[in-house]
Amino acid sequence: MFLRYSIITAIFAACFGSLQAQSVDSLFSGTWTGELTQEPGGIAENYPFRLVIHVKGNKVTGQSYANVYDDPNFAIMEFVGTIFKGKLLTFQETKIIDATVMDNYIWCIKGGQLTLTQKPDALLLEGYWQGTSTENGACIPGKVYLKKNLTP
């Protein structure tokens, strides 16, 4: 009887663990839209920003999209990351896939730490970013505000 109970408990634990992993996957996976800000001294105070996130376990890959408001300049970058305790996403852009650049403008390769918050109709990822450029060293850092709407 004890062995049977132990086996059932082990199966339940394995299934529950799998459901938790799927839950984290579904929470973080998808397209997140919003903006990032930059402290004084950058080209602009706010930039449209989007992350397309793919989750496998606690590892994350995807693409980020940034541009300047009212300007045709944009950058698409690859990133990798990790999810900690189902609430914190750290990310690091690894390379520029495609970009346009206006005179005297350099795209920052960003990394950041974003915290997941759930609202009744949406999920939010908010936190800080910092970055470097190949020509100027450290970029002026800022904050990230992203949202993913929940479907009914």
N, C-alpha and C. Protein backbone atom coordinates (compact mmCIF):
# COMPACT_ATOMS: atom_id res chain seq x y z
N MET A 1 0.82 -1.20 0.00
CA MET A 1 0.00 0.00 0.00
C MET A 1 0.87 1.26 0.00
N PHE A 2 1.93 1.29 0.83
CA PHE A 2 2.82 2.43 0.91
C PHE A 2 3.49 2.69 -0.43
N LEU A 3 3.94 1.61 -1.12
CA LEU A 3 4.58 1.74 -2.42
C LEU A 3 3.62 2.35 -3.43
N ARG A 4 2.36 1.89 -3.41
CA ARG A 4 1.36 2.41 -4.33
C ARG A 4 1.13 3.91 -4.08
N TYR A 5 1.05 4.32 -2.81
CA TYR A 5 0.88 5.71 -2.44
C TYR A 5 2.07 6.55 -2.91
N SER A 6 3.28 6.02 -2.74
CA SER A 6 4.49 6.72 -3.15
C SER A 6 4.53 6.92 -4.66
N ILE A 7 4.13 5.91 -5.41
CA ILE A 7 4.11 6.01 -6.88
C ILE A 7 3.10 7.05 -7.32
N ILE A 8 1.91 7.06 -6.73
CA ILE A 8 0.88 8.03 -7.08
C ILE A 8 1.36 9.44 -6.73
N THR A 9 1.99 9.59 -5.58
CA THR A 9 2.52 10.89 -5.17
C THR A 9 3.59 11.36 -6.15
N ALA A 10 4.48 10.46 -6.56
CA ALA A 10 5.54 10.81 -7.51
C ALA A 10 4.96 11.24 -8.85
N ILE A 11 3.95 10.53 -9.33
CA ILE A 11 3.30 10.88 -10.60
C ILE A 11 2.64 12.24 -10.49
N PHE A 12 1.93 12.49 -9.38
CA PHE A 12 1.28 13.77 -9.18
C PHE A 12 2.31 14.89 -9.15
N ALA A 13 3.40 14.71 -8.45
CA ALA A 13 4.45 15.72 -8.35
C ALA A 13 5.06 16.01 -9.72
N ALA A 14 5.29 14.96 -10.51
CA ALA A 14 5.85 15.15 -11.85
C ALA A 14 4.88 15.93 -12.73
N CYS A 15 3.61 15.59 -12.66
CA CYS A 15 2.61 16.29 -13.46
C CYS A 15 2.46 17.73 -13.00
N PHE A 16 2.43 17.97 -11.69
CA PHE A 16 2.30 19.31 -11.16
C PHE A 16 3.49 20.17 -11.58
N GLY A 17 4.68 19.63 -11.50
CA GLY A 17 5.88 20.35 -11.92
C GLY A 17 5.81 20.71 -13.39
N SER A 18 5.30 19.80 -14.21
CA SER A 18 5.16 20.05 -15.64
C SER A 18 4.15 21.16 -15.89
N LEU A 19 3.04 21.15 -15.13
CA LEU A 19 2.03 22.19 -15.29
C LEU A 19 2.61 23.55 -14.91
N GLN A 20 3.42 23.60 -13.85
CA GLN A 20 4.02 24.86 -13.47
C GLN A 20 4.93 25.38 -14.58
N ALA A 21 5.72 24.49 -15.18
CA ALA A 21 6.62 24.89 -16.26
C ALA A 21 5.82 25.41 -17.45
N GLN A 22 4.72 24.72 -17.79
CA GLN A 22 3.89 25.18 -18.89
C GLN A 22 3.27 26.53 -18.57
N SER A 23 2.91 26.74 -17.33
CA SER A 23 2.32 28.00 -16.93
C SER A 23 3.32 29.14 -17.11
N VAL A 24 4.56 28.95 -16.67
CA VAL A 24 5.58 29.97 -16.85
C VAL A 24 5.83 30.20 -18.33
N ASP A 25 5.89 29.11 -19.12
CA ASP A 25 6.07 29.24 -20.56
C ASP A 25 4.98 30.12 -21.16
N SER A 26 3.71 29.84 -20.81
CA SER A 26 2.61 30.59 -21.41
C SER A 26 2.56 32.03 -20.90
N LEU A 27 3.00 32.25 -19.67
CA LEU A 27 3.01 33.62 -19.15
C LEU A 27 4.01 34.49 -19.91
N PHE A 28 5.22 33.99 -20.10
CA PHE A 28 6.29 34.80 -20.69
C PHE A 28 6.32 34.75 -22.22
N SER A 29 5.92 33.63 -22.82
CA SER A 29 5.99 33.50 -24.28
C SER A 29 5.04 34.47 -24.97
N GLY A 30 5.48 34.97 -26.12
CA GLY A 30 4.61 35.82 -26.92
C GLY A 30 5.22 37.17 -27.20
N THR A 31 4.38 38.07 -27.68
CA THR A 31 4.81 39.41 -28.06
C THR A 31 4.42 40.41 -26.98
N TRP A 32 5.41 41.13 -26.51
CA TRP A 32 5.25 42.16 -25.48
C TRP A 32 5.53 43.51 -26.13
N THR A 33 4.64 44.48 -25.96
CA THR A 33 4.83 45.79 -26.58
C THR A 33 4.81 46.89 -25.51
N GLY A 34 5.51 47.95 -25.81
CA GLY A 34 5.55 49.09 -24.89
C GLY A 34 6.65 50.03 -25.29
N GLU A 35 7.42 50.45 -24.30
CA GLU A 35 8.50 51.37 -24.59
C GLU A 35 9.61 51.23 -23.58
N LEU A 36 10.76 51.77 -23.98
CA LEU A 36 11.85 51.91 -23.02
C LEU A 36 12.17 53.39 -22.91
N THR A 37 12.63 53.76 -21.75
CA THR A 37 13.02 55.14 -21.53
C THR A 37 14.53 55.21 -21.41
N GLN A 38 15.05 56.41 -21.58
CA GLN A 38 16.48 56.62 -21.42
C GLN A 38 16.68 57.87 -20.58
N GLU A 39 17.57 57.79 -19.62
CA GLU A 39 17.85 58.93 -18.76
C GLU A 39 18.39 60.09 -19.59
N PRO A 40 18.39 61.31 -19.05
CA PRO A 40 18.85 62.48 -19.81
C PRO A 40 20.23 62.29 -20.43
N GLY A 41 20.34 62.76 -21.68
CA GLY A 41 21.59 62.67 -22.41
C GLY A 41 21.52 61.76 -23.61
N GLY A 42 20.45 60.96 -23.71
CA GLY A 42 20.28 60.08 -24.86
C GLY A 42 19.66 60.83 -26.04
N ILE A 43 19.48 60.14 -27.15
CA ILE A 43 18.88 60.74 -28.34
C ILE A 43 17.44 61.14 -28.07
N ALA A 44 16.70 60.31 -27.33
CA ALA A 44 15.30 60.58 -27.01
C ALA A 44 15.02 60.09 -25.58
N GLU A 45 13.90 60.54 -25.02
CA GLU A 45 13.52 60.09 -23.68
C GLU A 45 12.79 58.75 -23.71
N ASN A 46 12.03 58.51 -24.80
CA ASN A 46 11.22 57.29 -24.93
C ASN A 46 11.39 56.70 -26.32
N TYR A 47 11.38 55.37 -26.38
CA TYR A 47 11.49 54.64 -27.64
C TYR A 47 10.44 53.53 -27.65
N PRO A 48 9.72 53.35 -28.75
CA PRO A 48 8.88 52.16 -28.84
C PRO A 48 9.77 50.92 -28.73
N PHE A 49 9.31 49.91 -28.00
CA PHE A 49 10.12 48.72 -27.76
C PHE A 49 9.20 47.51 -27.73
N ARG A 50 9.69 46.41 -28.31
CA ARG A 50 8.90 45.17 -28.35
C ARG A 50 9.84 44.00 -28.16
N LEU A 51 9.38 43.01 -27.40
CA LEU A 51 10.10 41.74 -27.26
C LEU A 51 9.20 40.63 -27.76
N VAL A 52 9.75 39.75 -28.57
CA VAL A 52 9.07 38.51 -28.95
C VAL A 52 9.84 37.41 -28.23
N ILE A 53 9.18 36.78 -27.27
CA ILE A 53 9.84 35.86 -26.35
C ILE A 53 9.44 34.42 -26.63
N HIS A 54 10.44 33.54 -26.67
CA HIS A 54 10.25 32.10 -26.78
C HIS A 54 10.86 31.47 -25.53
N VAL A 55 10.08 30.64 -24.82
CA VAL A 55 10.53 30.07 -23.56
C VAL A 55 10.65 28.56 -23.68
N LYS A 56 11.74 28.02 -23.15
CA LYS A 56 11.92 26.58 -23.03
C LYS A 56 12.52 26.32 -21.65
N GLY A 57 11.66 25.84 -20.74
CA GLY A 57 12.08 25.68 -19.36
C GLY A 57 12.25 27.05 -18.74
N ASN A 58 13.44 27.34 -18.23
CA ASN A 58 13.69 28.68 -17.69
C ASN A 58 14.59 29.50 -18.62
N LYS A 59 14.88 28.97 -19.80
CA LYS A 59 15.71 29.67 -20.79
C LYS A 59 14.82 30.41 -21.79
N VAL A 60 15.29 31.56 -22.22
CA VAL A 60 14.53 32.44 -23.10
C VAL A 60 15.39 32.82 -24.30
N THR A 61 14.77 32.85 -25.47
CA THR A 61 15.39 33.40 -26.67
C THR A 61 14.35 34.30 -27.35
N GLY A 62 14.80 35.12 -28.26
CA GLY A 62 13.83 35.94 -28.98
C GLY A 62 14.48 37.08 -29.72
N GLN A 63 13.62 38.01 -30.11
CA GLN A 63 14.06 39.20 -30.83
C GLN A 63 13.48 40.43 -30.15
N SER A 64 14.28 41.49 -30.15
CA SER A 64 13.80 42.78 -29.67
C SER A 64 13.72 43.74 -30.86
N TYR A 65 12.78 44.65 -30.77
CA TYR A 65 12.56 45.64 -31.82
C TYR A 65 12.51 47.01 -31.16
N ALA A 66 13.33 47.93 -31.63
CA ALA A 66 13.32 49.30 -31.10
C ALA A 66 13.38 50.27 -32.27
N ASN A 67 12.78 51.42 -32.07
CA ASN A 67 12.89 52.48 -33.07
C ASN A 67 12.76 53.82 -32.36
N VAL A 68 12.90 54.88 -33.12
CA VAL A 68 12.75 56.22 -32.58
C VAL A 68 11.40 56.74 -33.06
N TYR A 69 10.60 57.31 -32.15
CA TYR A 69 9.30 57.86 -32.56
C TYR A 69 9.48 58.84 -33.70
N ASP A 70 8.54 58.83 -34.66
CA ASP A 70 8.53 59.77 -35.78
C ASP A 70 9.83 59.75 -36.58
N ASP A 71 10.42 58.57 -36.69
CA ASP A 71 11.69 58.45 -37.39
C ASP A 71 11.75 57.05 -38.01
N PRO A 72 12.32 56.92 -39.20
CA PRO A 72 12.37 55.60 -39.83
C PRO A 72 13.46 54.67 -39.28
N ASN A 73 14.30 55.15 -38.40
CA ASN A 73 15.39 54.33 -37.88
C ASN A 73 14.87 53.27 -36.92
N PHE A 74 15.43 52.06 -37.04
CA PHE A 74 14.99 50.93 -36.22
C PHE A 74 16.15 49.98 -36.02
N ALA A 75 15.97 49.08 -35.06
CA ALA A 75 16.93 48.00 -34.85
C ALA A 75 16.17 46.74 -34.43
N ILE A 76 16.58 45.62 -35.00
CA ILE A 76 16.08 44.30 -34.61
C ILE A 76 17.27 43.53 -34.09
N MET A 77 17.14 43.00 -32.87
CA MET A 77 18.26 42.30 -32.24
C MET A 77 17.82 40.96 -31.70
N GLU A 78 18.76 40.02 -31.66
CA GLU A 78 18.52 38.73 -31.00
C GLU A 78 18.86 38.90 -29.52
N PHE A 79 18.16 38.13 -28.68
CA PHE A 79 18.51 38.15 -27.26
C PHE A 79 18.35 36.76 -26.66
N VAL A 80 19.00 36.56 -25.54
CA VAL A 80 18.87 35.34 -24.73
C VAL A 80 18.56 35.80 -23.32
N GLY A 81 18.02 34.87 -22.52
CA GLY A 81 17.71 35.24 -21.15
C GLY A 81 17.36 34.06 -20.28
N THR A 82 16.99 34.37 -19.06
CA THR A 82 16.65 33.37 -18.06
C THR A 82 15.48 33.88 -17.23
N ILE A 83 14.60 32.96 -16.85
CA ILE A 83 13.49 33.28 -15.95
C ILE A 83 13.84 32.71 -14.58
N PHE A 84 13.73 33.55 -13.56
CA PHE A 84 14.00 33.14 -12.18
C PHE A 84 12.71 33.16 -11.37
N LYS A 85 12.42 32.03 -10.72
CA LYS A 85 11.28 31.90 -9.80
C LYS A 85 9.96 32.32 -10.43
N GLY A 86 9.85 32.21 -11.76
CA GLY A 86 8.60 32.52 -12.45
C GLY A 86 8.20 33.98 -12.44
N LYS A 87 9.06 34.86 -11.97
CA LYS A 87 8.71 36.28 -11.84
C LYS A 87 9.72 37.25 -12.42
N LEU A 88 10.97 36.84 -12.53
CA LEU A 88 12.03 37.75 -12.98
C LEU A 88 12.63 37.25 -14.27
N LEU A 89 12.67 38.11 -15.28
CA LEU A 89 13.28 37.81 -16.56
C LEU A 89 14.53 38.66 -16.71
N THR A 90 15.67 38.01 -16.90
CA THR A 90 16.87 38.74 -17.27
C THR A 90 17.11 38.48 -18.75
N PHE A 91 17.51 39.51 -19.48
CA PHE A 91 17.76 39.33 -20.91
C PHE A 91 19.03 40.05 -21.31
N GLN A 92 19.65 39.55 -22.38
CA GLN A 92 20.85 40.18 -22.94
C GLN A 92 20.80 40.08 -24.46
N GLU A 93 20.76 41.22 -25.13
CA GLU A 93 20.83 41.20 -26.59
C GLU A 93 22.22 40.74 -26.98
N THR A 94 22.28 39.91 -28.03
CA THR A 94 23.56 39.32 -28.43
C THR A 94 24.08 39.87 -29.75
N LYS A 95 23.19 40.30 -30.63
CA LYS A 95 23.65 40.88 -31.90
C LYS A 95 22.52 41.60 -32.60
N ILE A 96 22.91 42.54 -33.45
CA ILE A 96 21.96 43.27 -34.30
C ILE A 96 21.72 42.44 -35.54
N ILE A 97 20.46 42.14 -35.82
CA ILE A 97 20.08 41.37 -37.01
C ILE A 97 19.88 42.31 -38.20
N ASP A 98 19.20 43.43 -37.94
CA ASP A 98 18.91 44.40 -38.99
C ASP A 98 18.75 45.77 -38.33
N ALA A 99 19.18 46.81 -39.00
CA ALA A 99 19.05 48.15 -38.42
C ALA A 99 19.28 49.21 -39.47
N THR A 100 18.71 50.37 -39.22
CA THR A 100 19.07 51.59 -39.95
C THR A 100 19.63 52.55 -38.91
N VAL A 101 20.49 53.44 -39.35
CA VAL A 101 21.14 54.34 -38.41
C VAL A 101 21.19 55.74 -39.01
N MET A 102 20.70 56.72 -38.24
CA MET A 102 20.82 58.11 -38.71
C MET A 102 22.20 58.64 -38.32
N ASP A 103 22.56 59.78 -38.85
CA ASP A 103 23.88 60.37 -38.56
C ASP A 103 24.10 60.51 -37.06
N ASN A 104 25.29 60.16 -36.62
CA ASN A 104 25.70 60.29 -35.22
C ASN A 104 24.83 59.50 -34.25
N TYR A 105 24.25 58.43 -34.70
CA TYR A 105 23.38 57.62 -33.85
C TYR A 105 23.94 56.20 -33.80
N ILE A 106 23.97 55.63 -32.62
CA ILE A 106 24.48 54.27 -32.44
C ILE A 106 23.48 53.49 -31.59
N TRP A 107 23.10 52.31 -32.03
CA TRP A 107 22.18 51.48 -31.26
C TRP A 107 22.92 50.84 -30.08
N CYS A 108 22.25 50.78 -28.96
CA CYS A 108 22.79 50.15 -27.76
C CYS A 108 22.43 48.66 -27.75
N ILE A 109 23.39 47.84 -27.41
CA ILE A 109 23.13 46.42 -27.16
C ILE A 109 22.73 46.34 -25.68
N LYS A 110 21.47 45.99 -25.45
CA LYS A 110 20.89 46.12 -24.11
C LYS A 110 20.79 44.79 -23.37
N GLY A 111 20.80 44.91 -22.07
CA GLY A 111 20.47 43.82 -21.17
C GLY A 111 19.61 44.40 -20.08
N GLY A 112 18.86 43.55 -19.40
CA GLY A 112 18.00 44.10 -18.38
C GLY A 112 17.42 43.05 -17.45
N GLN A 113 16.73 43.56 -16.45
CA GLN A 113 16.06 42.74 -15.46
C GLN A 113 14.62 43.23 -15.39
N LEU A 114 13.67 42.35 -15.74
CA LEU A 114 12.26 42.72 -15.80
C LEU A 114 11.44 41.84 -14.87
N THR A 115 10.53 42.46 -14.14
CA THR A 115 9.68 41.74 -13.20
C THR A 115 8.28 41.59 -13.79
N LEU A 116 7.73 40.39 -13.67
CA LEU A 116 6.39 40.08 -14.17
C LEU A 116 5.34 40.45 -13.12
N THR A 117 4.31 41.18 -13.56
CA THR A 117 3.16 41.51 -12.73
C THR A 117 1.90 41.15 -13.50
N GLN A 118 0.93 40.56 -12.82
CA GLN A 118 -0.31 40.20 -13.49
C GLN A 118 -1.42 41.14 -13.06
N LYS A 119 -2.08 41.73 -14.05
CA LYS A 119 -3.26 42.57 -13.85
C LYS A 119 -4.47 41.78 -14.36
N PRO A 120 -5.70 42.24 -14.09
CA PRO A 120 -6.87 41.47 -14.54
C PRO A 120 -6.92 41.23 -16.05
N ASP A 121 -6.47 42.21 -16.85
CA ASP A 121 -6.60 42.09 -18.30
C ASP A 121 -5.26 42.00 -19.03
N ALA A 122 -4.14 42.04 -18.30
CA ALA A 122 -2.85 42.06 -18.98
C ALA A 122 -1.74 41.59 -18.05
N LEU A 123 -0.62 41.24 -18.68
CA LEU A 123 0.62 40.96 -17.96
C LEU A 123 1.58 42.10 -18.23
N LEU A 124 2.35 42.49 -17.23
CA LEU A 124 3.32 43.56 -17.38
C LEU A 124 4.72 43.03 -17.10
N LEU A 125 5.68 43.47 -17.88
CA LEU A 125 7.10 43.25 -17.62
C LEU A 125 7.71 44.63 -17.48
N GLU A 126 8.26 44.91 -16.30
CA GLU A 126 8.83 46.22 -16.05
C GLU A 126 10.15 46.08 -15.32
N GLY A 127 11.05 47.00 -15.62
CA GLY A 127 12.34 46.96 -14.95
C GLY A 127 13.33 47.92 -15.57
N TYR A 128 14.58 47.56 -15.46
CA TYR A 128 15.68 48.44 -15.88
C TYR A 128 16.50 47.79 -16.99
N TRP A 129 17.07 48.64 -17.83
CA TRP A 129 18.00 48.16 -18.85
C TRP A 129 19.28 48.99 -18.75
N GLN A 130 20.35 48.38 -19.23
CA GLN A 130 21.63 49.04 -19.38
C GLN A 130 22.25 48.48 -20.64
N GLY A 131 23.20 49.18 -21.21
CA GLY A 131 23.74 48.69 -22.47
C GLY A 131 25.09 49.27 -22.81
N THR A 132 25.61 48.77 -23.91
CA THR A 132 26.89 49.25 -24.44
C THR A 132 26.75 49.40 -25.94
N SER A 133 27.59 50.25 -26.50
CA SER A 133 27.69 50.36 -27.95
C SER A 133 29.12 50.02 -28.34
N THR A 134 29.29 49.61 -29.56
CA THR A 134 30.63 49.23 -30.00
C THR A 134 31.55 50.43 -30.13
N GLU A 135 30.98 51.63 -30.31
CA GLU A 135 31.80 52.81 -30.55
C GLU A 135 31.97 53.73 -29.34
N ASN A 136 30.96 53.77 -28.47
CA ASN A 136 31.00 54.74 -27.38
C ASN A 136 31.05 54.12 -25.99
N GLY A 137 31.17 52.82 -25.86
CA GLY A 137 31.18 52.21 -24.54
C GLY A 137 29.79 52.15 -23.94
N ALA A 138 29.67 52.51 -22.67
CA ALA A 138 28.40 52.40 -21.95
C ALA A 138 27.35 53.35 -22.52
N CYS A 139 26.12 52.85 -22.63
CA CYS A 139 24.98 53.66 -23.05
C CYS A 139 24.31 54.25 -21.82
N ILE A 140 23.59 55.33 -22.01
CA ILE A 140 22.82 55.91 -20.92
C ILE A 140 21.65 54.96 -20.64
N PRO A 141 21.51 54.44 -19.41
CA PRO A 141 20.50 53.43 -19.11
C PRO A 141 19.10 54.02 -18.97
N GLY A 142 18.15 53.13 -18.69
CA GLY A 142 16.77 53.57 -18.51
C GLY A 142 15.88 52.46 -18.00
N LYS A 143 14.59 52.62 -18.25
CA LYS A 143 13.59 51.66 -17.78
C LYS A 143 12.86 51.04 -18.97
N VAL A 144 12.25 49.88 -18.72
CA VAL A 144 11.46 49.16 -19.73
C VAL A 144 10.05 48.97 -19.18
N TYR A 145 9.05 49.25 -20.03
CA TYR A 145 7.64 49.04 -19.69
C TYR A 145 7.00 48.27 -20.83
N LEU A 146 6.65 47.00 -20.59
CA LEU A 146 6.04 46.16 -21.63
C LEU A 146 4.73 45.57 -21.12
N LYS A 147 3.85 45.28 -22.08
CA LYS A 147 2.53 44.74 -21.75
C LYS A 147 2.17 43.64 -22.74
N LYS A 148 1.52 42.61 -22.23
CA LYS A 148 0.95 41.56 -23.07
C LYS A 148 -0.50 41.38 -22.63
N ASN A 149 -1.44 41.62 -23.54
CA ASN A 149 -2.85 41.49 -23.20
C ASN A 149 -3.22 40.03 -23.00
N LEU A 150 -4.09 39.78 -22.04
CA LEU A 150 -4.59 38.44 -21.80
C LEU A 150 -5.84 38.22 -22.64
N THR A 151 -5.95 37.07 -23.24
CA THR A 151 -7.13 36.77 -24.04
C THR A 151 -8.15 36.07 -23.14
N PRO A 152 -9.44 36.39 -23.33
CA PRO A 152 -10.47 35.77 -22.47
C PRO A 152 -10.63 34.30 -22.71
